[in-house]
Amino acid sequence: MSTPPPHGPLDRRAFVGTTAAYFIASALAACGGETTAPQGTTTPGGTTPGGGTTPGGQAGITISGNAVSVNIAQANIGTAGQFVILQAADAIVINVGTAGFVALSKTCTHSGCGLSRFNSGTALLECDCHGARFRTSGAVAAGPARSPLRSYPVSVAAGVVSFSV
């Protein structure tokens, strides 16, 4: 005689939902063992800056048409290795230390997945889907991507990084 599961039998919807959750977790682990870091937490060798969000946007970030401005203090990117992901501009701004700041597209050129991790120890951006890695110049450091990321020329004045997308 069989014993029913402790919480009763799974219906089809519960089974599919649970199976999908395990599949997604396994896929993320297979792509590098890490998941996207939420705002304010540490990633290997770097930091996703906090700074919070404001209704309709991120603190310290202004986007007007193609023009993007990032307040260094408010976006919490004043230290080498810190970065901010600009969802609305499809860009990432990285403090590269004595070289200043860089702004790059946050979309991997391999399959269009998002880049949301910067490892300041290796100075590489890492793709969430297939593990491609890019240098802060946008050049490919490791495939499967073959094309560089789009790089946006930046200017820094009065504590604000500005560029156009």
N, C-alpha and C. Protein backbone atom coordinates (compact mmCIF):
# COMPACT_ATOMS: atom_id res chain seq x y z
N MET A 1 0.84 -1.17 0.00
CA MET A 1 0.00 0.00 0.00
C MET A 1 0.89 1.24 0.00
N SER A 2 0.60 2.20 -0.88
CA SER A 2 1.43 3.40 -0.95
C SER A 2 0.88 4.49 -0.06
N THR A 3 1.81 5.33 0.40
CA THR A 3 1.44 6.45 1.26
C THR A 3 1.38 7.72 0.41
N PRO A 4 0.34 8.53 0.53
CA PRO A 4 0.27 9.75 -0.26
C PRO A 4 1.35 10.74 0.18
N PRO A 5 1.78 11.64 -0.70
CA PRO A 5 2.76 12.65 -0.33
C PRO A 5 2.28 13.45 0.87
N PRO A 6 3.19 14.03 1.69
CA PRO A 6 2.81 14.71 2.92
C PRO A 6 1.84 15.86 2.71
N HIS A 7 1.84 16.50 1.56
CA HIS A 7 0.94 17.62 1.32
C HIS A 7 -0.12 17.27 0.29
N GLY A 8 -0.38 16.00 0.10
CA GLY A 8 -1.36 15.57 -0.88
C GLY A 8 -0.72 15.42 -2.25
N PRO A 9 -1.44 14.83 -3.17
CA PRO A 9 -0.89 14.62 -4.52
C PRO A 9 -0.75 15.95 -5.26
N LEU A 10 0.24 16.01 -6.13
CA LEU A 10 0.44 17.21 -6.95
C LEU A 10 -0.49 17.17 -8.14
N ASP A 11 -1.17 18.27 -8.40
CA ASP A 11 -1.94 18.32 -9.63
C ASP A 11 -0.98 18.71 -10.77
N ARG A 12 -1.46 18.69 -11.97
CA ARG A 12 -0.60 18.95 -13.13
C ARG A 12 0.03 20.34 -13.06
N ARG A 13 -0.74 21.35 -12.70
CA ARG A 13 -0.22 22.72 -12.64
C ARG A 13 0.90 22.83 -11.61
N ALA A 14 0.74 22.25 -10.44
CA ALA A 14 1.77 22.30 -9.41
C ALA A 14 3.02 21.55 -9.85
N PHE A 15 2.82 20.40 -10.50
CA PHE A 15 3.96 19.62 -10.99
C PHE A 15 4.76 20.41 -12.02
N VAL A 16 4.06 21.01 -13.00
CA VAL A 16 4.75 21.78 -14.05
C VAL A 16 5.46 22.98 -13.44
N GLY A 17 4.82 23.68 -12.52
CA GLY A 17 5.44 24.84 -11.88
C GLY A 17 6.68 24.48 -11.10
N THR A 18 6.61 23.41 -10.33
CA THR A 18 7.76 22.96 -9.55
C THR A 18 8.89 22.50 -10.46
N THR A 19 8.55 21.74 -11.48
CA THR A 19 9.55 21.26 -12.43
C THR A 19 10.22 22.44 -13.14
N ALA A 20 9.44 23.43 -13.55
CA ALA A 20 10.00 24.61 -14.22
C ALA A 20 10.96 25.35 -13.30
N ALA A 21 10.60 25.50 -12.04
CA ALA A 21 11.47 26.20 -11.08
C ALA A 21 12.80 25.47 -10.93
N TYR A 22 12.76 24.15 -10.82
CA TYR A 22 14.00 23.37 -10.71
C TYR A 22 14.83 23.46 -12.00
N PHE A 23 14.17 23.46 -13.15
CA PHE A 23 14.86 23.57 -14.42
C PHE A 23 15.58 24.92 -14.53
N ILE A 24 14.90 25.99 -14.18
CA ILE A 24 15.51 27.33 -14.25
C ILE A 24 16.69 27.43 -13.29
N ALA A 25 16.54 26.92 -12.08
CA ALA A 25 17.64 26.96 -11.11
C ALA A 25 18.84 26.15 -11.63
N SER A 26 18.57 25.01 -12.23
CA SER A 26 19.66 24.19 -12.78
C SER A 26 20.35 24.89 -13.94
N ALA A 27 19.58 25.53 -14.80
CA ALA A 27 20.15 26.24 -15.94
C ALA A 27 21.03 27.39 -15.47
N LEU A 28 20.59 28.13 -14.47
CA LEU A 28 21.40 29.22 -13.94
C LEU A 28 22.70 28.69 -13.34
N ALA A 29 22.62 27.59 -12.63
CA ALA A 29 23.83 27.02 -12.04
C ALA A 29 24.79 26.54 -13.11
N ALA A 30 24.27 26.00 -14.20
CA ALA A 30 25.12 25.50 -15.29
C ALA A 30 25.81 26.63 -16.04
N CYS A 31 25.24 27.82 -16.00
CA CYS A 31 25.82 28.97 -16.72
C CYS A 31 26.82 29.73 -15.87
N GLY A 32 27.33 29.14 -14.83
CA GLY A 32 28.34 29.83 -14.04
C GLY A 32 28.11 29.72 -12.55
N GLY A 33 27.01 29.14 -12.16
CA GLY A 33 26.77 28.93 -10.75
C GLY A 33 26.35 30.17 -9.99
N GLU A 34 26.10 31.26 -10.68
CA GLU A 34 25.70 32.47 -10.00
C GLU A 34 24.44 33.00 -10.65
N THR A 35 23.68 33.75 -9.90
CA THR A 35 22.51 34.38 -10.47
C THR A 35 22.75 35.88 -10.48
N THR A 36 21.89 36.59 -11.18
CA THR A 36 22.00 38.03 -11.25
C THR A 36 21.88 38.62 -9.86
N ALA A 37 22.77 39.54 -9.55
CA ALA A 37 22.74 40.16 -8.24
C ALA A 37 21.73 41.29 -8.22
N PRO A 38 20.86 41.32 -7.21
CA PRO A 38 19.94 42.44 -7.10
C PRO A 38 20.68 43.69 -6.66
N GLN A 39 20.07 44.84 -6.79
CA GLN A 39 20.69 46.09 -6.38
C GLN A 39 21.14 45.99 -4.93
N GLY A 40 22.34 46.49 -4.66
CA GLY A 40 22.84 46.58 -3.30
C GLY A 40 23.56 45.36 -2.78
N THR A 41 23.82 44.37 -3.59
CA THR A 41 24.52 43.19 -3.11
C THR A 41 25.86 43.04 -3.82
N THR A 42 26.68 42.17 -3.30
CA THR A 42 28.02 41.99 -3.84
C THR A 42 28.04 40.84 -4.84
N THR A 43 28.77 41.03 -5.92
CA THR A 43 29.03 39.97 -6.88
C THR A 43 30.51 39.65 -6.79
N PRO A 44 30.98 38.52 -7.32
CA PRO A 44 32.38 38.17 -7.17
C PRO A 44 33.32 39.28 -7.66
N GLY A 45 34.06 39.87 -6.73
CA GLY A 45 35.05 40.87 -7.09
C GLY A 45 34.48 42.24 -7.36
N GLY A 46 33.20 42.45 -7.25
CA GLY A 46 32.64 43.76 -7.54
C GLY A 46 31.37 44.00 -6.77
N THR A 47 30.77 45.13 -7.00
CA THR A 47 29.57 45.48 -6.27
C THR A 47 28.51 45.98 -7.22
N THR A 48 27.29 45.56 -7.01
CA THR A 48 26.18 46.20 -7.68
C THR A 48 25.75 47.29 -6.72
N PRO A 49 25.93 48.54 -7.09
CA PRO A 49 25.68 49.61 -6.14
C PRO A 49 24.22 49.68 -5.72
N GLY A 50 24.03 50.13 -4.50
CA GLY A 50 22.69 50.35 -3.98
C GLY A 50 22.18 51.68 -4.49
N GLY A 51 21.81 52.54 -3.60
CA GLY A 51 21.32 53.84 -4.01
C GLY A 51 19.82 53.86 -4.17
N GLY A 52 19.20 52.70 -4.19
CA GLY A 52 17.75 52.63 -4.27
C GLY A 52 17.20 53.07 -5.61
N THR A 53 15.91 53.07 -5.69
CA THR A 53 15.26 53.51 -6.92
C THR A 53 14.23 54.57 -6.57
N THR A 54 13.89 55.35 -7.54
CA THR A 54 12.84 56.34 -7.38
C THR A 54 11.72 55.95 -8.31
N PRO A 55 10.50 56.40 -8.06
CA PRO A 55 9.41 56.05 -8.97
C PRO A 55 9.77 56.41 -10.40
N GLY A 56 9.70 55.43 -11.29
CA GLY A 56 9.99 55.68 -12.69
C GLY A 56 11.46 55.62 -13.05
N GLY A 57 12.35 55.29 -12.11
CA GLY A 57 13.76 55.24 -12.49
C GLY A 57 14.67 54.87 -11.34
N GLN A 58 15.97 55.00 -11.57
CA GLN A 58 16.98 54.68 -10.59
C GLN A 58 17.54 55.98 -10.03
N ALA A 59 17.93 55.97 -8.76
CA ALA A 59 18.46 57.16 -8.10
C ALA A 59 19.71 57.65 -8.82
N GLY A 60 19.76 58.97 -9.07
CA GLY A 60 20.93 59.59 -9.65
C GLY A 60 21.07 59.42 -11.15
N ILE A 61 20.06 58.87 -11.81
CA ILE A 61 20.15 58.60 -13.24
C ILE A 61 19.06 59.38 -13.96
N THR A 62 19.48 60.11 -15.00
CA THR A 62 18.55 60.86 -15.80
C THR A 62 18.71 60.45 -17.26
N ILE A 63 17.60 60.11 -17.89
CA ILE A 63 17.62 59.75 -19.31
C ILE A 63 16.62 60.66 -20.01
N SER A 64 17.12 61.40 -20.98
CA SER A 64 16.28 62.30 -21.74
C SER A 64 16.58 62.07 -23.22
N GLY A 65 15.68 61.40 -23.90
CA GLY A 65 15.93 61.02 -25.29
C GLY A 65 17.10 60.05 -25.32
N ASN A 66 18.17 60.39 -26.06
CA ASN A 66 19.36 59.55 -26.12
C ASN A 66 20.41 59.94 -25.08
N ALA A 67 20.21 61.06 -24.39
CA ALA A 67 21.19 61.57 -23.43
C ALA A 67 21.01 60.90 -22.06
N VAL A 68 22.11 60.39 -21.52
CA VAL A 68 22.09 59.72 -20.23
C VAL A 68 23.07 60.43 -19.29
N SER A 69 22.63 60.70 -18.07
CA SER A 69 23.48 61.30 -17.04
C SER A 69 23.40 60.45 -15.79
N VAL A 70 24.57 60.16 -15.21
CA VAL A 70 24.63 59.34 -14.00
C VAL A 70 25.39 60.13 -12.94
N ASN A 71 24.71 60.48 -11.85
CA ASN A 71 25.36 61.15 -10.74
C ASN A 71 26.18 60.12 -9.98
N ILE A 72 27.49 60.32 -9.95
CA ILE A 72 28.42 59.32 -9.39
C ILE A 72 28.09 59.01 -7.93
N ALA A 73 27.85 60.04 -7.12
CA ALA A 73 27.57 59.82 -5.70
C ALA A 73 26.23 59.14 -5.48
N GLN A 74 25.18 59.63 -6.14
CA GLN A 74 23.85 59.06 -5.94
C GLN A 74 23.73 57.64 -6.47
N ALA A 75 24.44 57.33 -7.56
CA ALA A 75 24.40 55.98 -8.12
C ALA A 75 25.39 55.05 -7.43
N ASN A 76 26.17 55.61 -6.50
CA ASN A 76 27.12 54.83 -5.69
C ASN A 76 28.16 54.11 -6.55
N ILE A 77 28.79 54.87 -7.47
CA ILE A 77 29.82 54.28 -8.33
C ILE A 77 31.14 55.07 -8.19
N GLY A 78 31.40 55.60 -7.00
CA GLY A 78 32.59 56.41 -6.79
C GLY A 78 33.87 55.64 -6.58
N THR A 79 33.81 54.34 -6.42
CA THR A 79 34.98 53.51 -6.15
C THR A 79 35.24 52.58 -7.33
N ALA A 80 36.53 52.38 -7.64
CA ALA A 80 36.90 51.47 -8.74
C ALA A 80 36.24 50.12 -8.54
N GLY A 81 35.69 49.58 -9.61
CA GLY A 81 35.03 48.27 -9.57
C GLY A 81 33.54 48.36 -9.38
N GLN A 82 33.02 49.52 -8.97
CA GLN A 82 31.58 49.65 -8.81
C GLN A 82 30.95 49.95 -10.16
N PHE A 83 29.70 49.53 -10.31
CA PHE A 83 29.01 49.73 -11.57
C PHE A 83 27.53 49.91 -11.31
N VAL A 84 26.85 50.44 -12.31
CA VAL A 84 25.40 50.56 -12.24
C VAL A 84 24.83 50.11 -13.58
N ILE A 85 23.75 49.34 -13.49
CA ILE A 85 23.07 48.86 -14.68
C ILE A 85 21.89 49.79 -14.95
N LEU A 86 21.84 50.32 -16.15
CA LEU A 86 20.79 51.26 -16.54
C LEU A 86 19.79 50.51 -17.41
N GLN A 87 18.75 49.99 -16.79
CA GLN A 87 17.78 49.18 -17.51
C GLN A 87 17.15 49.96 -18.67
N ALA A 88 16.73 51.19 -18.41
CA ALA A 88 16.01 51.97 -19.42
C ALA A 88 16.90 52.37 -20.59
N ALA A 89 18.21 52.44 -20.37
CA ALA A 89 19.14 52.83 -21.44
C ALA A 89 19.85 51.64 -22.05
N ASP A 90 19.58 50.43 -21.54
CA ASP A 90 20.26 49.22 -22.00
C ASP A 90 21.78 49.40 -21.95
N ALA A 91 22.25 49.93 -20.82
CA ALA A 91 23.68 50.22 -20.69
C ALA A 91 24.17 49.87 -19.28
N ILE A 92 25.47 49.77 -19.16
CA ILE A 92 26.12 49.58 -17.87
C ILE A 92 27.26 50.59 -17.80
N VAL A 93 27.38 51.27 -16.66
CA VAL A 93 28.46 52.23 -16.44
C VAL A 93 29.35 51.65 -15.36
N ILE A 94 30.65 51.59 -15.65
CA ILE A 94 31.62 50.97 -14.74
C ILE A 94 32.70 51.98 -14.36
N ASN A 95 33.02 52.04 -13.08
CA ASN A 95 34.15 52.84 -12.62
C ASN A 95 35.37 51.95 -12.78
N VAL A 96 36.26 52.32 -13.71
CA VAL A 96 37.45 51.51 -13.99
C VAL A 96 38.70 52.10 -13.32
N GLY A 97 38.49 52.86 -12.26
CA GLY A 97 39.62 53.38 -11.48
C GLY A 97 40.28 54.57 -12.14
N THR A 98 41.60 54.53 -12.23
CA THR A 98 42.35 55.67 -12.75
C THR A 98 42.00 55.98 -14.20
N ALA A 99 41.46 55.01 -14.93
CA ALA A 99 41.06 55.24 -16.32
C ALA A 99 39.71 55.95 -16.41
N GLY A 100 39.02 56.11 -15.29
CA GLY A 100 37.74 56.82 -15.28
C GLY A 100 36.54 55.90 -15.35
N PHE A 101 35.64 56.21 -16.24
CA PHE A 101 34.39 55.48 -16.37
C PHE A 101 34.21 55.01 -17.81
N VAL A 102 33.54 53.88 -17.98
CA VAL A 102 33.16 53.40 -19.29
C VAL A 102 31.66 53.14 -19.29
N ALA A 103 31.05 53.30 -20.45
CA ALA A 103 29.64 52.97 -20.64
C ALA A 103 29.55 52.02 -21.82
N LEU A 104 28.89 50.90 -21.60
CA LEU A 104 28.78 49.85 -22.61
C LEU A 104 27.33 49.39 -22.71
N SER A 105 26.99 48.82 -23.86
CA SER A 105 25.69 48.15 -23.99
C SER A 105 25.68 46.99 -23.00
N LYS A 106 24.54 46.72 -22.40
CA LYS A 106 24.44 45.59 -21.47
C LYS A 106 23.82 44.36 -22.13
N THR A 107 23.79 44.36 -23.46
CA THR A 107 23.22 43.23 -24.19
C THR A 107 24.33 42.44 -24.86
N CYS A 108 24.44 41.17 -24.53
CA CYS A 108 25.46 40.29 -25.10
C CYS A 108 25.26 40.18 -26.61
N THR A 109 26.35 40.25 -27.34
CA THR A 109 26.29 40.18 -28.80
C THR A 109 26.12 38.75 -29.31
N HIS A 110 26.16 37.77 -28.43
CA HIS A 110 25.98 36.38 -28.85
C HIS A 110 24.51 36.06 -29.08
N SER A 111 23.69 36.25 -28.05
CA SER A 111 22.29 35.87 -28.20
C SER A 111 21.32 36.89 -27.61
N GLY A 112 21.83 38.07 -27.28
CA GLY A 112 20.95 39.12 -26.78
C GLY A 112 20.59 39.04 -25.32
N CYS A 113 21.25 38.19 -24.56
CA CYS A 113 20.99 38.10 -23.12
C CYS A 113 21.56 39.32 -22.41
N GLY A 114 21.12 39.52 -21.19
CA GLY A 114 21.59 40.66 -20.42
C GLY A 114 22.92 40.39 -19.73
N LEU A 115 23.70 41.44 -19.62
CA LEU A 115 24.94 41.40 -18.85
C LEU A 115 24.65 42.14 -17.56
N SER A 116 24.76 41.46 -16.44
CA SER A 116 24.47 42.14 -15.18
C SER A 116 25.52 41.87 -14.12
N ARG A 117 26.63 41.27 -14.53
CA ARG A 117 27.71 41.01 -13.57
C ARG A 117 29.01 41.58 -14.09
N PHE A 118 29.70 42.30 -13.22
CA PHE A 118 31.05 42.78 -13.53
C PHE A 118 31.94 42.25 -12.43
N ASN A 119 33.00 41.55 -12.80
CA ASN A 119 33.95 41.01 -11.83
C ASN A 119 35.15 41.95 -11.82
N SER A 120 35.26 42.75 -10.77
CA SER A 120 36.36 43.73 -10.72
C SER A 120 37.71 43.05 -10.55
N GLY A 121 37.74 41.83 -10.06
CA GLY A 121 38.99 41.09 -9.92
C GLY A 121 39.60 40.74 -11.28
N THR A 122 38.75 40.39 -12.23
CA THR A 122 39.22 40.06 -13.58
C THR A 122 38.97 41.19 -14.57
N ALA A 123 38.22 42.20 -14.13
CA ALA A 123 37.80 43.34 -14.98
C ALA A 123 37.02 42.86 -16.20
N LEU A 124 36.14 41.88 -15.98
CA LEU A 124 35.35 41.34 -17.08
C LEU A 124 33.85 41.41 -16.76
N LEU A 125 33.07 41.73 -17.79
CA LEU A 125 31.62 41.62 -17.74
C LEU A 125 31.27 40.19 -18.12
N GLU A 126 30.26 39.62 -17.47
CA GLU A 126 29.92 38.23 -17.70
C GLU A 126 28.46 38.10 -18.15
N CYS A 127 28.25 37.34 -19.22
CA CYS A 127 26.90 37.10 -19.74
C CYS A 127 26.17 36.10 -18.85
N ASP A 128 24.91 36.40 -18.57
CA ASP A 128 24.11 35.55 -17.71
C ASP A 128 23.70 34.23 -18.37
N CYS A 129 23.64 34.20 -19.69
CA CYS A 129 23.10 33.01 -20.38
C CYS A 129 24.15 31.97 -20.77
N HIS A 130 25.18 32.38 -21.49
CA HIS A 130 26.10 31.40 -22.06
C HIS A 130 27.54 31.60 -21.64
N GLY A 131 27.80 32.54 -20.71
CA GLY A 131 29.13 32.68 -20.14
C GLY A 131 30.12 33.50 -20.94
N ALA A 132 29.69 34.19 -21.98
CA ALA A 132 30.62 35.06 -22.71
C ALA A 132 31.15 36.12 -21.75
N ARG A 133 32.39 36.54 -21.98
CA ARG A 133 33.00 37.55 -21.13
C ARG A 133 33.54 38.67 -22.01
N PHE A 134 33.41 39.90 -21.51
CA PHE A 134 33.82 41.08 -22.25
C PHE A 134 34.72 41.96 -21.39
N ARG A 135 35.70 42.58 -22.02
CA ARG A 135 36.59 43.53 -21.34
C ARG A 135 35.86 44.86 -21.20
N THR A 136 36.40 45.74 -20.37
CA THR A 136 35.77 47.05 -20.19
C THR A 136 35.88 47.92 -21.43
N SER A 137 36.64 47.51 -22.40
CA SER A 137 36.69 48.20 -23.70
C SER A 137 35.52 47.76 -24.58
N GLY A 138 34.85 46.68 -24.19
CA GLY A 138 33.78 46.08 -24.98
C GLY A 138 34.25 44.87 -25.78
N ALA A 139 35.58 44.68 -25.89
CA ALA A 139 36.13 43.57 -26.66
C ALA A 139 35.77 42.23 -26.02
N VAL A 140 35.62 41.22 -26.86
CA VAL A 140 35.32 39.87 -26.38
C VAL A 140 36.57 39.27 -25.73
N ALA A 141 36.43 38.79 -24.50
CA ALA A 141 37.53 38.12 -23.81
C ALA A 141 37.38 36.60 -23.89
N ALA A 142 36.13 36.12 -23.92
CA ALA A 142 35.85 34.69 -24.03
C ALA A 142 34.48 34.51 -24.67
N GLY A 143 34.39 33.57 -25.62
CA GLY A 143 33.16 33.31 -26.34
C GLY A 143 32.12 32.63 -25.48
N PRO A 144 31.00 32.38 -26.08
CA PRO A 144 30.73 32.20 -27.49
C PRO A 144 30.50 33.49 -28.29
N ALA A 145 30.41 34.65 -27.66
CA ALA A 145 30.25 35.90 -28.42
C ALA A 145 31.47 36.13 -29.30
N ARG A 146 31.24 36.73 -30.46
CA ARG A 146 32.33 37.03 -31.40
C ARG A 146 32.47 38.51 -31.67
N SER A 147 31.41 39.26 -31.43
CA SER A 147 31.41 40.70 -31.69
C SER A 147 31.53 41.47 -30.39
N PRO A 148 32.21 42.62 -30.40
CA PRO A 148 32.35 43.41 -29.18
C PRO A 148 31.03 44.08 -28.79
N LEU A 149 30.97 44.50 -27.54
CA LEU A 149 29.83 45.28 -27.06
C LEU A 149 29.93 46.69 -27.63
N ARG A 150 28.80 47.33 -27.81
CA ARG A 150 28.80 48.73 -28.21
C ARG A 150 29.33 49.55 -27.04
N SER A 151 30.24 50.44 -27.33
CA SER A 151 30.83 51.31 -26.32
C SER A 151 30.36 52.73 -26.58
N TYR A 152 30.02 53.45 -25.51
CA TYR A 152 29.56 54.82 -25.63
C TYR A 152 30.61 55.77 -25.05
N PRO A 153 31.10 56.74 -25.83
CA PRO A 153 32.06 57.72 -25.29
C PRO A 153 31.42 58.48 -24.12
N VAL A 154 32.15 58.63 -23.02
CA VAL A 154 31.63 59.31 -21.84
C VAL A 154 32.39 60.60 -21.58
N SER A 155 31.73 61.50 -20.89
CA SER A 155 32.40 62.68 -20.35
C SER A 155 32.02 62.75 -18.88
N VAL A 156 32.95 63.27 -18.08
CA VAL A 156 32.71 63.38 -16.64
C VAL A 156 32.94 64.83 -16.25
N ALA A 157 31.93 65.44 -15.65
CA ALA A 157 32.03 66.82 -15.18
C ALA A 157 31.14 66.99 -13.96
N ALA A 158 31.66 67.67 -12.95
CA ALA A 158 30.90 67.99 -11.74
C ALA A 158 30.25 66.75 -11.12
N GLY A 159 30.95 65.62 -11.10
CA GLY A 159 30.45 64.42 -10.47
C GLY A 159 29.37 63.70 -11.24
N VAL A 160 29.26 63.97 -12.54
CA VAL A 160 28.24 63.33 -13.37
C VAL A 160 28.90 62.72 -14.61
N VAL A 161 28.58 61.44 -14.86
CA VAL A 161 29.02 60.76 -16.07
C VAL A 161 27.92 60.93 -17.10
N SER A 162 28.28 61.44 -18.29
CA SER A 162 27.30 61.67 -19.33
C SER A 162 27.69 60.95 -20.61
N PHE A 163 26.70 60.44 -21.34
CA PHE A 163 26.92 59.81 -22.63
C PHE A 163 25.61 59.72 -23.38
N SER A 164 25.68 59.37 -24.66
CA SER A 164 24.49 59.20 -25.49
C SER A 164 24.43 57.77 -25.98
N VAL A 165 23.20 57.23 -25.98
CA VAL A 165 23.00 55.86 -26.48
C VAL A 165 22.37 55.90 -27.85
